[in-house]
Amino acid sequence: MRAKLITFLVLSLLLAVVPLRAQSSIEVVTTTTQVTDLTRVLVGDLLGDEIRLTPMMGAGVDPHLYAPTESDVAAMSRADAVFYSGLFLEGRMGELFDALGERDVVTYAVAQPVKDAGFTIGGFRLSEEFSDVDDPHFWFDPRNWELAAIGLADELASLDPANSATYTENAEAYVVQLVLLYEWMQEAMNQVPEDKRVLITSHDAFQYFGDAVGWEVRGLQGISTESEAGVGDIEDLARFIVEREIPVVFVESSVPPNAIRAVQEAVRAAGGNVEVGARELFSDAMGSEGEFGATYIGMLATNVITIVESFGYEVPPFPEPLGTLPEDLL
């Protein structure tokens, strides 16, 4: 059903007559919340007058399952550029991006510099059609997000040469923050003893995060939430939790909690006990506008604090240049 809808929208886009752009500002559409936040950081004070930004997905929206609406297609067809995450995170929207290219709309995947540098994790199977793809959750390693920031700044500079210095300066300042975030993440996650450093979540979104901080990661579902966990998957994960004496598992903000709750019940039935984390983890989507978790730095910091505190340990002081933690995280 969704494939038919996307095909219809692609055809609609190709057949649509779009008025010539008369505005002086540059129109940009972004897909995921992470891409939207990165674009805002790099655009900075140019947002509004010189760069007009239209986000497509909001807080809690699962990009794996997101089906673009007709209004999304209309916004993209009017845009000068569409920035998306890439690596099949946005499901089967690749047809739309190809169609946009035929209309001379610039389309850019922020994952591309990470892929080009060889830092993606590959060998995953999504379906018969996509049997050897990369894990799309590359942003969970801040070192990858540094590459994404520099690459998107270059793309913005090509789109808007008059303001290229602004994009470069904003990217350089942001990379300094990301280095601090990465160092703090490692220090915080190392509070948990090595034999307990296992992160279990709703779906397999945290492999890059695990690599960044030296933790083992297990997800109930695969790298896409389109896959469904069966009874056998739940029982296998429950046995693993009991054998390793893992004290806590985590629900994600963009994934229904039912499956993880079923794992918790299976652990209890097997004679073990496991708690669910103090808060949901942000995975494929960030927090709502105005929340601390609505930025990339806030999202990762919230996740780290949630994990470490759920394991019963304290996190080190948050670096001042990254902002102030809200009271509900202290």
C-alpha atoms as a PDB file:
ATOM      1  CA  MET A   1       0.000   0.000   0.000  1.00  0.00           C
ATOM      2  CA  ARG A   2       2.758   2.434   0.955  1.00  0.00           C
ATOM      3  CA  ALA A   3       4.753   1.570  -2.174  1.00  0.00           C
ATOM      4  CA  LYS A   4       1.706   2.410  -4.313  1.00  0.00           C
ATOM      5  CA  LEU A   5       1.292   5.743  -2.507  1.00  0.00           C
ATOM      6  CA  ILE A   6       4.919   6.705  -3.073  1.00  0.00           C
ATOM      7  CA  THR A   7       4.691   5.725  -6.753  1.00  0.00           C
ATOM      8  CA  PHE A   8       1.588   7.921  -7.066  1.00  0.00           C
ATOM      9  CA  LEU A   9       3.364  10.827  -5.393  1.00  0.00           C
ATOM     10  CA  VAL A  10       6.403  10.444  -7.638  1.00  0.00           C
ATOM     11  CA  LEU A  11       4.189  10.531 -10.725  1.00  0.00           C
ATOM     12  CA  SER A  12       2.323  13.531  -9.323  1.00  0.00           C
ATOM     13  CA  LEU A  13       5.622  15.309  -8.797  1.00  0.00           C
ATOM     14  CA  LEU A  14       6.814  14.601 -12.319  1.00  0.00           C
ATOM     15  CA  LEU A  15       3.536  15.765 -13.847  1.00  0.00           C
ATOM     16  CA  ALA A  16       3.002  18.785 -11.621  1.00  0.00           C
ATOM     17  CA  VAL A  17       3.396  22.272 -13.028  1.00  0.00           C
ATOM     18  CA  VAL A  18       5.282  24.246 -10.404  1.00  0.00           C
ATOM     19  CA  PRO A  19       5.422  28.050 -10.641  1.00  0.00           C
ATOM     20  CA  LEU A  20       8.839  29.624 -11.159  1.00  0.00           C
ATOM     21  CA  ARG A  21      10.445  30.607  -7.860  1.00  0.00           C
ATOM     22  CA  ALA A  22      10.183  34.333  -7.411  1.00  0.00           C
ATOM     23  CA  GLN A  23      11.452  34.606  -3.837  1.00  0.00           C
ATOM     24  CA  SER A  24      14.865  36.032  -3.016  1.00  0.00           C
ATOM     25  CA  SER A  25      15.397  33.610  -0.120  1.00  0.00           C
ATOM     26  CA  ILE A  26      16.548  30.015  -0.625  1.00  0.00           C
ATOM     27  CA  GLU A  27      13.924  27.350   0.121  1.00  0.00           C
ATOM     28  CA  VAL A  28      15.193  24.217   1.896  1.00  0.00           C
ATOM     29  CA  VAL A  29      13.185  21.151   2.941  1.00  0.00           C
ATOM     30  CA  THR A  30      14.637  18.756   5.525  1.00  0.00           C
ATOM     31  CA  THR A  31      13.406  15.255   6.338  1.00  0.00           C
ATOM     32  CA  THR A  32      14.378  13.978   9.806  1.00  0.00           C
ATOM     33  CA  THR A  33      14.652  15.957  13.029  1.00  0.00           C
ATOM     34  CA  GLN A  34      18.421  15.407  13.125  1.00  0.00           C
ATOM     35  CA  VAL A  35      18.897  16.820   9.634  1.00  0.00           C
ATOM     36  CA  THR A  36      16.655  19.771  10.493  1.00  0.00           C
ATOM     37  CA  ASP A  37      18.678  20.579  13.608  1.00  0.00           C
ATOM     38  CA  LEU A  38      22.001  20.363  11.788  1.00  0.00           C
ATOM     39  CA  THR A  39      20.724  22.659   9.040  1.00  0.00           C
ATOM     40  CA  ARG A  40      19.564  25.216  11.619  1.00  0.00           C
ATOM     41  CA  VAL A  41      22.946  25.140  13.351  1.00  0.00           C
ATOM     42  CA  LEU A  42      24.832  25.752  10.117  1.00  0.00           C
ATOM     43  CA  VAL A  43      22.450  28.400   8.777  1.00  0.00           C
ATOM     44  CA  GLY A  44      22.440  30.283  12.076  1.00  0.00           C
ATOM     45  CA  ASP A  45      21.310  33.899  11.788  1.00  0.00           C
ATOM     46  CA  LEU A  46      20.553  33.479   8.078  1.00  0.00           C
ATOM     47  CA  LEU A  47      17.478  31.442   8.961  1.00  0.00           C
ATOM     48  CA  GLY A  48      14.261  33.186   7.992  1.00  0.00           C
ATOM     49  CA  ASP A  49      15.323  36.036   5.725  1.00  0.00           C
ATOM     50  CA  GLU A  50      17.886  34.341   3.510  1.00  0.00           C
ATOM     51  CA  ILE A  51      17.221  30.649   4.171  1.00  0.00           C
ATOM     52  CA  ARG A  52      13.646  29.458   4.599  1.00  0.00           C
ATOM     53  CA  LEU A  53      13.456  26.008   6.178  1.00  0.00           C
ATOM     54  CA  THR A  54      10.548  23.547   5.985  1.00  0.00           C
ATOM     55  CA  PRO A  55      10.957  20.463   8.232  1.00  0.00           C
ATOM     56  CA  MET A  56       9.103  17.372   7.068  1.00  0.00           C
ATOM     57  CA  MET A  57       9.128  15.124  10.173  1.00  0.00           C
ATOM     58  CA  GLY A  58       8.525  16.058  13.793  1.00  0.00           C
ATOM     59  CA  ALA A  59       9.298  14.669  17.235  1.00  0.00           C
ATOM     60  CA  GLY A  60       8.543  10.985  17.719  1.00  0.00           C
ATOM     61  CA  VAL A  61       8.102  10.315  13.994  1.00  0.00           C
ATOM     62  CA  ASP A  62       9.650   7.062  12.746  1.00  0.00           C
ATOM     63  CA  PRO A  63      11.436   7.838   9.441  1.00  0.00           C
ATOM     64  CA  HIS A  64      11.608   4.129   8.555  1.00  0.00           C
ATOM     65  CA  LEU A  65       7.818   4.051   8.271  1.00  0.00           C
ATOM     66  CA  TYR A  66       7.150   7.625   7.198  1.00  0.00           C
ATOM     67  CA  ALA A  67       5.061   7.996   4.054  1.00  0.00           C
ATOM     68  CA  PRO A  68       5.337  11.472   2.469  1.00  0.00           C
ATOM     69  CA  THR A  69       2.094  13.358   2.036  1.00  0.00           C
ATOM     70  CA  GLU A  70       0.985  15.336  -0.980  1.00  0.00           C
ATOM     71  CA  SER A  71       1.834  18.537   0.913  1.00  0.00           C
ATOM     72  CA  ASP A  72       5.366  17.152   1.510  1.00  0.00           C
ATOM     73  CA  VAL A  73       5.755  16.541  -2.201  1.00  0.00           C
ATOM     74  CA  ALA A  74       4.460  20.027  -3.000  1.00  0.00           C
ATOM     75  CA  ALA A  75       6.955  21.592  -0.567  1.00  0.00           C
ATOM     76  CA  MET A  76       9.843  19.583  -2.005  1.00  0.00           C
ATOM     77  CA  SER A  77       8.892  20.428  -5.578  1.00  0.00           C
ATOM     78  CA  ARG A  78       8.943  24.160  -4.749  1.00  0.00           C
ATOM     79  CA  ALA A  79      12.246  23.946  -2.884  1.00  0.00           C
ATOM     80  CA  ASP A  80      15.712  24.860  -4.059  1.00  0.00           C
ATOM     81  CA  ALA A  81      17.159  21.962  -2.059  1.00  0.00           C
ATOM     82  CA  VAL A  82      16.064  18.904  -0.069  1.00  0.00           C
ATOM     83  CA  PHE A  83      18.411  17.635   2.638  1.00  0.00           C
ATOM     84  CA  TYR A  84      17.823  14.095   3.898  1.00  0.00           C
ATOM     85  CA  SER A  85      19.607  11.586   6.130  1.00  0.00           C
ATOM     86  CA  GLY A  86      20.238   8.799   3.607  1.00  0.00           C
ATOM     87  CA  LEU A  87      21.318   5.147   3.788  1.00  0.00           C
ATOM     88  CA  PHE A  88      17.644   4.134   3.336  1.00  0.00           C
ATOM     89  CA  LEU A  89      16.630   5.702   6.667  1.00  0.00           C
ATOM     90  CA  GLU A  90      13.743   7.418   4.897  1.00  0.00           C
ATOM     91  CA  GLY A  91      12.385   4.094   3.689  1.00  0.00           C
ATOM     92  CA  ARG A  92      11.651   4.065  -0.017  1.00  0.00           C
ATOM     93  CA  MET A  93      11.679   7.808  -0.591  1.00  0.00           C
ATOM     94  CA  GLY A  94      14.617   7.360  -2.943  1.00  0.00           C
ATOM     95  CA  GLU A  95      12.207   7.447  -5.894  1.00  0.00           C
ATOM     96  CA  LEU A  96      11.027  10.866  -4.792  1.00  0.00           C
ATOM     97  CA  PHE A  97      14.563  12.183  -4.440  1.00  0.00           C
ATOM     98  CA  ASP A  98      15.387  10.918  -7.937  1.00  0.00           C
ATOM     99  CA  ALA A  99      12.282  12.608  -9.334  1.00  0.00           C
ATOM    100  CA  LEU A 100      13.212  15.862  -7.618  1.00  0.00           C
ATOM    101  CA  GLY A 101      16.621  15.744  -9.270  1.00  0.00           C
ATOM    102  CA  GLU A 102      14.899  15.616 -12.646  1.00  0.00           C
ATOM    103  CA  ARG A 103      13.161  18.880 -11.691  1.00  0.00           C
ATOM    104  CA  ASP A 104      16.539  20.516 -10.893  1.00  0.00           C
ATOM    105  CA  VAL A 105      15.941  20.448  -7.148  1.00  0.00           C
ATOM    106  CA  VAL A 106      19.211  19.858  -5.283  1.00  0.00           C
ATOM    107  CA  THR A 107      18.995  16.703  -3.147  1.00  0.00           C
ATOM    108  CA  TYR A 108      21.707  15.880  -0.631  1.00  0.00           C
ATOM    109  CA  ALA A 109      22.163  12.995   1.845  1.00  0.00           C
ATOM    110  CA  VAL A 110      24.011  14.138   4.968  1.00  0.00           C
ATOM    111  CA  ALA A 111      25.272  10.565   5.406  1.00  0.00           C
ATOM    112  CA  GLN A 112      27.287  10.757   2.182  1.00  0.00           C
ATOM    113  CA  PRO A 113      30.589  12.057   3.670  1.00  0.00           C
ATOM    114  CA  VAL A 114      30.437   9.300   6.306  1.00  0.00           C
ATOM    115  CA  LYS A 115      29.832   6.692   3.605  1.00  0.00           C
ATOM    116  CA  ASP A 116      32.636   8.116   1.447  1.00  0.00           C
ATOM    117  CA  ALA A 117      35.060   8.000   4.397  1.00  0.00           C
ATOM    118  CA  GLY A 118      34.291   4.315   5.005  1.00  0.00           C
ATOM    119  CA  PHE A 119      32.788   4.792   8.464  1.00  0.00           C
ATOM    120  CA  THR A 120      29.373   3.216   7.880  1.00  0.00           C
ATOM    121  CA  ILE A 121      28.504  -0.233   9.227  1.00  0.00           C
ATOM    122  CA  GLY A 122      27.343  -2.474   6.386  1.00  0.00           C
ATOM    123  CA  GLY A 123      26.031  -5.934   5.618  1.00  0.00           C
ATOM    124  CA  PHE A 124      22.425  -5.581   6.799  1.00  0.00           C
ATOM    125  CA  ARG A 125      19.343  -7.024   5.134  1.00  0.00           C
ATOM    126  CA  LEU A 126      16.163  -4.971   4.893  1.00  0.00           C
ATOM    127  CA  SER A 127      14.241  -7.052   2.366  1.00  0.00           C
ATOM    128  CA  GLU A 128      14.647  -9.198  -0.740  1.00  0.00           C
ATOM    129  CA  GLU A 129      15.227  -6.011  -2.701  1.00  0.00           C
ATOM    130  CA  PHE A 130      17.672  -4.454  -0.232  1.00  0.00           C
ATOM    131  CA  SER A 131      19.828  -7.302   1.055  1.00  0.00           C
ATOM    132  CA  ASP A 132      23.205  -5.630   1.690  1.00  0.00           C
ATOM    133  CA  VAL A 133      22.742  -2.127   3.058  1.00  0.00           C
ATOM    134  CA  ASP A 134      24.441   0.087   5.621  1.00  0.00           C
ATOM    135  CA  ASP A 135      23.091   0.753   9.086  1.00  0.00           C
ATOM    136  CA  PRO A 136      21.497   4.212   8.633  1.00  0.00           C
ATOM    137  CA  HIS A 137      21.899   5.387  12.254  1.00  0.00           C
ATOM    138  CA  PHE A 138      25.351   6.890  11.658  1.00  0.00           C
ATOM    139  CA  TRP A 139      24.658  10.065  13.678  1.00  0.00           C
ATOM    140  CA  PHE A 140      24.976   8.240  16.993  1.00  0.00           C
ATOM    141  CA  ASP A 141      28.757   8.584  16.758  1.00  0.00           C
ATOM    142  CA  PRO A 142      29.583  12.313  17.113  1.00  0.00           C
ATOM    143  CA  ARG A 143      32.675  11.795  14.974  1.00  0.00           C
ATOM    144  CA  ASN A 144      30.377  10.874  12.098  1.00  0.00           C
ATOM    145  CA  TRP A 145      28.217  13.904  12.797  1.00  0.00           C
ATOM    146  CA  GLU A 146      31.338  16.079  12.497  1.00  0.00           C
ATOM    147  CA  LEU A 147      31.786  14.801   8.944  1.00  0.00           C
ATOM    148  CA  ALA A 148      28.093  15.370   8.251  1.00  0.00           C
ATOM    149  CA  ALA A 149      28.338  18.963   9.492  1.00  0.00           C
ATOM    150  CA  ILE A 150      31.344  19.775   7.343  1.00  0.00           C
ATOM    151  CA  GLY A 151      29.743  18.140   4.287  1.00  0.00           C
ATOM    152  CA  LEU A 152      26.435  19.964   4.705  1.00  0.00           C
ATOM    153  CA  ALA A 153      28.247  23.273   5.207  1.00  0.00           C
ATOM    154  CA  ASP A 154      29.988  22.718   1.876  1.00  0.00           C
ATOM    155  CA  GLU A 155      26.638  21.912   0.250  1.00  0.00           C
ATOM    156  CA  LEU A 156      25.076  25.083   1.655  1.00  0.00           C
ATOM    157  CA  ALA A 157      28.069  27.096   0.430  1.00  0.00           C
ATOM    158  CA  SER A 158      27.557  25.718  -3.093  1.00  0.00           C
ATOM    159  CA  LEU A 159      23.872  26.600  -2.895  1.00  0.00           C
ATOM    160  CA  ASP A 160      24.532  30.076  -1.472  1.00  0.00           C
ATOM    161  CA  PRO A 161      28.108  31.175  -2.292  1.00  0.00           C
ATOM    162  CA  ALA A 162      27.555  34.690  -0.954  1.00  0.00           C
ATOM    163  CA  ASN A 163      27.279  33.310   2.590  1.00  0.00           C
ATOM    164  CA  SER A 164      29.821  30.497   2.327  1.00  0.00           C
ATOM    165  CA  ALA A 165      32.013  31.953   5.087  1.00  0.00           C
ATOM    166  CA  THR A 166      29.082  31.858   7.522  1.00  0.00           C
ATOM    167  CA  TYR A 167      28.412  28.175   6.865  1.00  0.00           C
ATOM    168  CA  THR A 168      32.091  27.298   7.259  1.00  0.00           C
ATOM    169  CA  GLU A 169      32.480  29.258  10.497  1.00  0.00           C
ATOM    170  CA  ASN A 170      29.300  27.761  11.984  1.00  0.00           C
ATOM    171  CA  ALA A 171      30.475  24.250  11.076  1.00  0.00           C
ATOM    172  CA  GLU A 172      33.895  24.804  12.648  1.00  0.00           C
ATOM    173  CA  ALA A 173      32.352  26.089  15.881  1.00  0.00           C
ATOM    174  CA  TYR A 174      29.916  23.177  15.966  1.00  0.00           C
ATOM    175  CA  VAL A 175      32.688  20.609  15.461  1.00  0.00           C
ATOM    176  CA  VAL A 176      34.415  21.968  18.586  1.00  0.00           C
ATOM    177  CA  GLN A 177      31.204  21.276  20.521  1.00  0.00           C
ATOM    178  CA  LEU A 178      30.920  17.770  19.060  1.00  0.00           C
ATOM    179  CA  VAL A 179      34.467  16.937  20.176  1.00  0.00           C
ATOM    180  CA  LEU A 180      33.566  17.965  23.736  1.00  0.00           C
ATOM    181  CA  LEU A 181      30.365  15.922  23.552  1.00  0.00           C
ATOM    182  CA  TYR A 182      32.237  12.815  22.395  1.00  0.00           C
ATOM    183  CA  GLU A 183      34.791  13.080  25.202  1.00  0.00           C
ATOM    184  CA  TRP A 184      32.059  13.574  27.817  1.00  0.00           C
ATOM    185  CA  MET A 185      30.051  10.623  26.442  1.00  0.00           C
ATOM    186  CA  GLN A 186      33.008   8.290  26.802  1.00  0.00           C
ATOM    187  CA  GLU A 187      33.752   9.428  30.355  1.00  0.00           C
ATOM    188  CA  ALA A 188      30.095   9.067  31.370  1.00  0.00           C
ATOM    189  CA  MET A 189      29.503   5.643  29.833  1.00  0.00           C
ATOM    190  CA  ASN A 190      32.722   4.329  31.400  1.00  0.00           C
ATOM    191  CA  GLN A 191      31.122   4.747  34.841  1.00  0.00           C
ATOM    192  CA  VAL A 192      29.367   1.410  34.241  1.00  0.00           C
ATOM    193  CA  PRO A 193      31.596  -1.675  34.865  1.00  0.00           C
ATOM    194  CA  GLU A 194      32.840  -3.409  31.716  1.00  0.00           C
ATOM    195  CA  ASP A 195      30.948  -6.656  32.290  1.00  0.00           C
ATOM    196  CA  LYS A 196      27.642  -4.751  32.419  1.00  0.00           C
ATOM    197  CA  ARG A 197      28.180  -2.541  29.360  1.00  0.00           C
ATOM    198  CA  VAL A 198      25.382  -3.987  27.244  1.00  0.00           C
ATOM    199  CA  LEU A 199      22.704  -1.726  25.777  1.00  0.00           C
ATOM    200  CA  ILE A 200      19.416  -3.460  24.897  1.00  0.00           C
ATOM    201  CA  THR A 201      16.813  -1.468  22.979  1.00  0.00           C
ATOM    202  CA  SER A 202      13.648  -1.788  20.923  1.00  0.00           C
ATOM    203  CA  HIS A 203      15.384  -1.905  17.547  1.00  0.00           C
ATOM    204  CA  ASP A 204      18.976  -2.068  16.359  1.00  0.00           C
ATOM    205  CA  ALA A 205      19.631   1.678  16.172  1.00  0.00           C
ATOM    206  CA  PHE A 206      22.626   2.023  18.482  1.00  0.00           C
ATOM    207  CA  GLN A 207      25.526   0.133  16.874  1.00  0.00           C
ATOM    208  CA  TYR A 208      27.361   3.374  16.043  1.00  0.00           C
ATOM    209  CA  PHE A 209      26.746   4.604  19.575  1.00  0.00           C
ATOM    210  CA  GLY A 210      28.114   1.335  20.961  1.00  0.00           C
ATOM    211  CA  ASP A 211      31.225   1.621  18.803  1.00  0.00           C
ATOM    212  CA  ALA A 212      31.753   5.217  19.973  1.00  0.00           C
ATOM    213  CA  VAL A 213      31.661   4.348  23.686  1.00  0.00           C
ATOM    214  CA  GLY A 214      32.835   0.718  23.709  1.00  0.00           C
ATOM    215  CA  TRP A 215      29.531  -0.963  24.597  1.00  0.00           C
ATOM    216  CA  GLU A 216      27.897  -4.100  23.251  1.00  0.00           C
ATOM    217  CA  VAL A 217      24.493  -3.399  21.692  1.00  0.00           C
ATOM    218  CA  ARG A 218      21.516  -5.681  21.159  1.00  0.00           C
ATOM    219  CA  GLY A 219      18.250  -4.648  19.483  1.00  0.00           C
ATOM    220  CA  LEU A 220      15.042  -6.671  19.498  1.00  0.00           C
ATOM    221  CA  GLN A 221      14.110  -5.641  15.968  1.00  0.00           C
ATOM    222  CA  GLY A 222      16.505  -5.166  13.072  1.00  0.00           C
ATOM    223  CA  ILE A 223      17.957  -1.850  11.858  1.00  0.00           C
ATOM    224  CA  SER A 224      14.561  -0.922  10.423  1.00  0.00           C
ATOM    225  CA  THR A 225      11.334  -0.843  12.413  1.00  0.00           C
ATOM    226  CA  GLU A 226       9.627  -2.354   9.368  1.00  0.00           C
ATOM    227  CA  SER A 227      10.869  -5.726  10.600  1.00  0.00           C
ATOM    228  CA  GLU A 228       8.799  -7.325  13.334  1.00  0.00           C
ATOM    229  CA  ALA A 229      10.059  -9.270  16.329  1.00  0.00           C
ATOM    230  CA  GLY A 230       8.560 -12.734  16.739  1.00  0.00           C
ATOM    231  CA  VAL A 231       8.095 -14.875  19.835  1.00  0.00           C
ATOM    232  CA  GLY A 232      11.435 -16.591  19.175  1.00  0.00           C
ATOM    233  CA  ASP A 233      13.252 -13.231  19.030  1.00  0.00           C
ATOM    234  CA  ILE A 234      11.716 -12.208  22.349  1.00  0.00           C
ATOM    235  CA  GLU A 235      12.639 -15.516  24.018  1.00  0.00           C
ATOM    236  CA  ASP A 236      16.202 -15.437  22.661  1.00  0.00           C
ATOM    237  CA  LEU A 237      16.755 -11.910  23.960  1.00  0.00           C
ATOM    238  CA  ALA A 238      15.219 -12.813  27.321  1.00  0.00           C
ATOM    239  CA  ARG A 239      17.650 -15.758  27.695  1.00  0.00           C
ATOM    240  CA  PHE A 240      20.565 -13.475  26.853  1.00  0.00           C
ATOM    241  CA  ILE A 241      19.463 -10.966  29.504  1.00  0.00           C
ATOM    242  CA  VAL A 242      19.149 -13.666  32.158  1.00  0.00           C
ATOM    243  CA  GLU A 243      22.511 -15.263  31.291  1.00  0.00           C
ATOM    244  CA  ARG A 244      24.359 -11.938  31.310  1.00  0.00           C
ATOM    245  CA  GLU A 245      22.390 -10.557  34.272  1.00  0.00           C
ATOM    246  CA  ILE A 246      21.602  -7.346  32.430  1.00  0.00           C
ATOM    247  CA  PRO A 247      19.665  -5.106  34.855  1.00  0.00           C
ATOM    248  CA  VAL A 248      17.903  -2.746  32.454  1.00  0.00           C
ATOM    249  CA  VAL A 249      16.469  -2.514  28.923  1.00  0.00           C
ATOM    250  CA  PHE A 250      15.264   0.565  27.064  1.00  0.00           C
ATOM    251  CA  VAL A 251      12.244   1.724  25.114  1.00  0.00           C
ATOM    252  CA  GLU A 252      12.715   4.242  22.273  1.00  0.00           C
ATOM    253  CA  SER A 253      10.676   7.391  21.779  1.00  0.00           C
ATOM    254  CA  SER A 254       9.780   6.588  18.166  1.00  0.00           C
ATOM    255  CA  VAL A 255       9.001   2.870  18.688  1.00  0.00           C
ATOM    256  CA  PRO A 256       5.971   1.448  20.559  1.00  0.00           C
ATOM    257  CA  PRO A 257       6.970  -0.070  23.942  1.00  0.00           C
ATOM    258  CA  ASN A 258       4.961  -3.304  23.593  1.00  0.00           C
ATOM    259  CA  ALA A 259       7.814  -5.512  22.378  1.00  0.00           C
ATOM    260  CA  ILE A 260      10.262  -4.441  25.104  1.00  0.00           C
ATOM    261  CA  ARG A 261       7.540  -4.963  27.707  1.00  0.00           C
ATOM    262  CA  ALA A 262       7.101  -8.487  26.300  1.00  0.00           C
ATOM    263  CA  VAL A 263      10.845  -9.081  26.738  1.00  0.00           C
ATOM    264  CA  GLN A 264      10.572  -7.950  30.359  1.00  0.00           C
ATOM    265  CA  GLU A 265       7.769 -10.454  30.966  1.00  0.00           C
ATOM    266  CA  ALA A 266       9.755 -13.226  29.245  1.00  0.00           C
ATOM    267  CA  VAL A 267      12.747 -12.503  31.495  1.00  0.00           C
ATOM    268  CA  ARG A 268      10.558 -12.791  34.574  1.00  0.00           C
ATOM    269  CA  ALA A 269       9.054 -16.039  33.270  1.00  0.00           C
ATOM    270  CA  ALA A 270      12.614 -17.373  32.907  1.00  0.00           C
ATOM    271  CA  GLY A 271      13.352 -16.602  36.538  1.00  0.00           C
ATOM    272  CA  GLY A 272      15.219 -13.355  36.008  1.00  0.00           C
ATOM    273  CA  ASN A 273      14.443  -9.697  36.504  1.00  0.00           C
ATOM    274  CA  VAL A 274      15.045  -6.677  34.319  1.00  0.00           C
ATOM    275  CA  GLU A 275      13.842  -3.104  34.650  1.00  0.00           C
ATOM    276  CA  VAL A 276      12.866  -0.680  31.901  1.00  0.00           C
ATOM    277  CA  GLY A 277      15.027   2.456  31.692  1.00  0.00           C
ATOM    278  CA  ALA A 278      14.124   5.610  33.595  1.00  0.00           C
ATOM    279  CA  ARG A 279      13.258   7.395  30.346  1.00  0.00           C
ATOM    280  CA  GLU A 280      12.735   6.568  26.694  1.00  0.00           C
ATOM    281  CA  LEU A 281      15.810   6.826  24.505  1.00  0.00           C
ATOM    282  CA  PHE A 282      15.818   9.070  21.471  1.00  0.00           C
ATOM    283  CA  SER A 283      16.693   7.037  18.393  1.00  0.00           C
ATOM    284  CA  ASP A 284      15.243   7.854  14.962  1.00  0.00           C
ATOM    285  CA  ALA A 285      13.666  11.119  16.114  1.00  0.00           C
ATOM    286  CA  MET A 286      14.601  13.807  18.603  1.00  0.00           C
ATOM    287  CA  GLY A 287      12.456  15.617  21.186  1.00  0.00           C
ATOM    288  CA  SER A 288       9.702  18.179  20.738  1.00  0.00           C
ATOM    289  CA  GLU A 289      10.467  21.803  19.886  1.00  0.00           C
ATOM    290  CA  GLY A 290      11.751  23.679  22.932  1.00  0.00           C
ATOM    291  CA  GLU A 291      12.844  20.565  24.829  1.00  0.00           C
ATOM    292  CA  PHE A 292      16.488  19.896  25.696  1.00  0.00           C
ATOM    293  CA  GLY A 293      16.301  16.710  23.615  1.00  0.00           C
ATOM    294  CA  ALA A 294      15.168  18.647  20.540  1.00  0.00           C
ATOM    295  CA  THR A 295      18.772  19.303  19.487  1.00  0.00           C
ATOM    296  CA  TYR A 296      21.392  16.756  18.465  1.00  0.00           C
ATOM    297  CA  ILE A 297      23.594  17.575  21.466  1.00  0.00           C
ATOM    298  CA  GLY A 298      20.620  17.514  23.834  1.00  0.00           C
ATOM    299  CA  MET A 299      19.368  14.234  22.369  1.00  0.00           C
ATOM    300  CA  LEU A 300      22.691  12.433  22.850  1.00  0.00           C
ATOM    301  CA  ALA A 301      23.256  13.933  26.293  1.00  0.00           C
ATOM    302  CA  THR A 302      19.776  12.860  27.407  1.00  0.00           C
ATOM    303  CA  ASN A 303      20.399   9.327  26.175  1.00  0.00           C
ATOM    304  CA  VAL A 304      23.741   9.075  27.952  1.00  0.00           C
ATOM    305  CA  ILE A 305      22.313  10.364  31.233  1.00  0.00           C
ATOM    306  CA  THR A 306      19.314   8.033  30.949  1.00  0.00           C
ATOM    307  CA  ILE A 307      21.501   4.982  30.326  1.00  0.00           C
ATOM    308  CA  VAL A 308      24.089   5.668  33.016  1.00  0.00           C
ATOM    309  CA  GLU A 309      21.558   6.600  35.692  1.00  0.00           C
ATOM    310  CA  SER A 310      19.344   3.603  34.814  1.00  0.00           C
ATOM    311  CA  PHE A 311      22.356   1.379  35.501  1.00  0.00           C
ATOM    312  CA  GLY A 312      22.711   3.098  38.876  1.00  0.00           C
ATOM    313  CA  TYR A 313      25.733   5.343  38.275  1.00  0.00           C
ATOM    314  CA  GLU A 314      26.398   9.085  38.179  1.00  0.00           C
ATOM    315  CA  VAL A 315      27.452  11.062  35.134  1.00  0.00           C
ATOM    316  CA  PRO A 316      30.328  13.568  35.175  1.00  0.00           C
ATOM    317  CA  PRO A 317      29.638  17.318  34.970  1.00  0.00           C
ATOM    318  CA  PHE A 318      28.321  18.470  31.604  1.00  0.00           C
ATOM    319  CA  PRO A 319      30.782  20.685  29.662  1.00  0.00           C
ATOM    320  CA  GLU A 320      29.778  24.364  30.020  1.00  0.00           C
ATOM    321  CA  PRO A 321      30.203  25.200  26.300  1.00  0.00           C
ATOM    322  CA  LEU A 322      27.467  22.654  25.528  1.00  0.00           C
ATOM    323  CA  GLY A 323      24.850  24.403  27.648  1.00  0.00           C
ATOM    324  CA  THR A 324      23.079  23.724  30.918  1.00  0.00           C
ATOM    325  CA  LEU A 325      21.283  20.495  31.722  1.00  0.00           C
ATOM    326  CA  PRO A 326      17.587  20.886  32.595  1.00  0.00           C
ATOM    327  CA  GLU A 327      16.556  20.152  36.166  1.00  0.00           C
ATOM    328  CA  ASP A 328      14.661  16.991  35.245  1.00  0.00           C
ATOM    329  CA  LEU A 329      17.937  15.412  34.099  1.00  0.00           C
ATOM    330  CA  LEU A 330      19.920  16.343  37.200  1.00  0.00           C
END
